[in-house]
Amino acid sequence: MISPGATNPELTQRGYQHIMRTAGLDSSQGPTAAKYILETVKPQRIAIIHDKQQYGEGLARSVQDG
C-alpha cells in the first residue's frame, strides 16, 4: 500500500511489511517546523491550533514538543 498522507509513526511501527509513504512523519515534521518558527519567524508568542482530529493531533503535539 502506498499512502500519500499517513504521517503517524505508529503505522510502520505495527510491523506491516508492505506500507510505503510519500509524506514525512509527524516526528520529523514537527521539530523542523518548530525550529523554523523559532529561528526564522522569531515570534514573541506561539499558539498551536488544531481541530483535535487524529490527522492533525500528532503533528500539533510534535511541533509543541519540537
Protein backbone atom coordinates (compact mmCIF):
# COMPACT_ATOMS: atom_id res chain seq x y z
CA MET A 1 0.00 0.00 0.00
CA ILE A 2 1.24 3.49 -0.79
CA SER A 3 -0.07 6.23 1.47
CA PRO A 4 0.23 9.86 0.37
CA GLY A 5 -0.88 11.29 3.71
CA ALA A 6 -0.15 8.89 6.58
CA THR A 7 2.23 10.79 8.86
CA ASN A 8 1.74 8.93 12.15
CA PRO A 9 4.89 6.91 13.02
CA GLU A 10 2.73 4.15 14.57
CA LEU A 11 1.64 2.97 11.12
CA THR A 12 5.01 1.42 10.33
CA GLN A 13 5.80 0.53 13.95
CA ARG A 14 2.98 -2.02 13.79
CA GLY A 15 5.15 -4.24 11.60
CA TYR A 16 3.19 -4.08 8.36
CA GLN A 17 5.53 -5.28 5.61
CA HIS A 18 4.08 -3.51 2.59
CA ILE A 19 3.39 0.09 3.66
CA MET A 20 5.14 2.92 1.84
CA ARG A 21 4.75 6.63 2.50
CA THR A 22 5.11 9.67 0.32
CA ALA A 23 4.88 12.13 3.25
CA GLY A 24 7.25 12.74 6.14
CA LEU A 25 6.49 11.54 9.65
CA ASP A 26 4.98 13.84 12.28
CA SER A 27 8.05 13.11 14.41
CA SER A 28 10.25 14.64 11.68
CA GLN A 29 7.98 17.45 10.50
CA GLY A 30 7.18 18.80 13.98
CA PRO A 31 10.72 19.57 15.18
CA THR A 32 11.59 21.01 11.76
CA ALA A 33 8.56 23.31 11.85
CA ALA A 34 9.31 24.32 15.45
CA LYS A 35 12.92 25.16 14.56
CA TYR A 36 11.82 27.25 11.58
CA ILE A 37 9.23 29.10 13.66
CA LEU A 38 11.67 29.86 16.48
CA GLU A 39 14.76 30.70 14.41
CA THR A 40 13.27 32.34 11.31
CA VAL A 41 9.92 33.81 12.32
CA LYS A 42 11.10 34.63 15.88
CA PRO A 43 7.62 35.24 17.31
CA GLN A 44 7.01 36.72 20.74
CA ARG A 45 4.22 34.20 21.37
CA ILE A 46 3.12 31.00 19.68
CA ALA A 47 -0.33 29.40 19.54
CA ILE A 48 -0.83 25.91 18.16
CA ILE A 49 -4.37 25.41 16.90
CA HIS A 50 -5.77 22.12 15.61
CA ASP A 51 -9.19 20.52 15.37
CA LYS A 52 -8.34 17.57 17.67
CA GLN A 53 -8.79 15.08 14.85
CA GLN A 54 -6.28 12.24 14.63
CA TYR A 55 -4.77 13.60 11.42
CA GLY A 56 -3.59 16.89 12.96
CA GLU A 57 -3.15 15.92 16.59
CA GLY A 58 0.18 14.13 16.17
CA LEU A 59 1.72 16.94 14.16
CA ALA A 60 0.45 19.59 16.58
CA ARG A 61 1.94 17.65 19.51
CA SER A 62 5.21 17.17 17.64
CA VAL A 63 5.52 20.91 16.90
CA GLN A 64 4.75 21.72 20.54
CA ASP A 65 7.40 19.26 21.77
CA GLY A 66 9.72 20.50 18.98
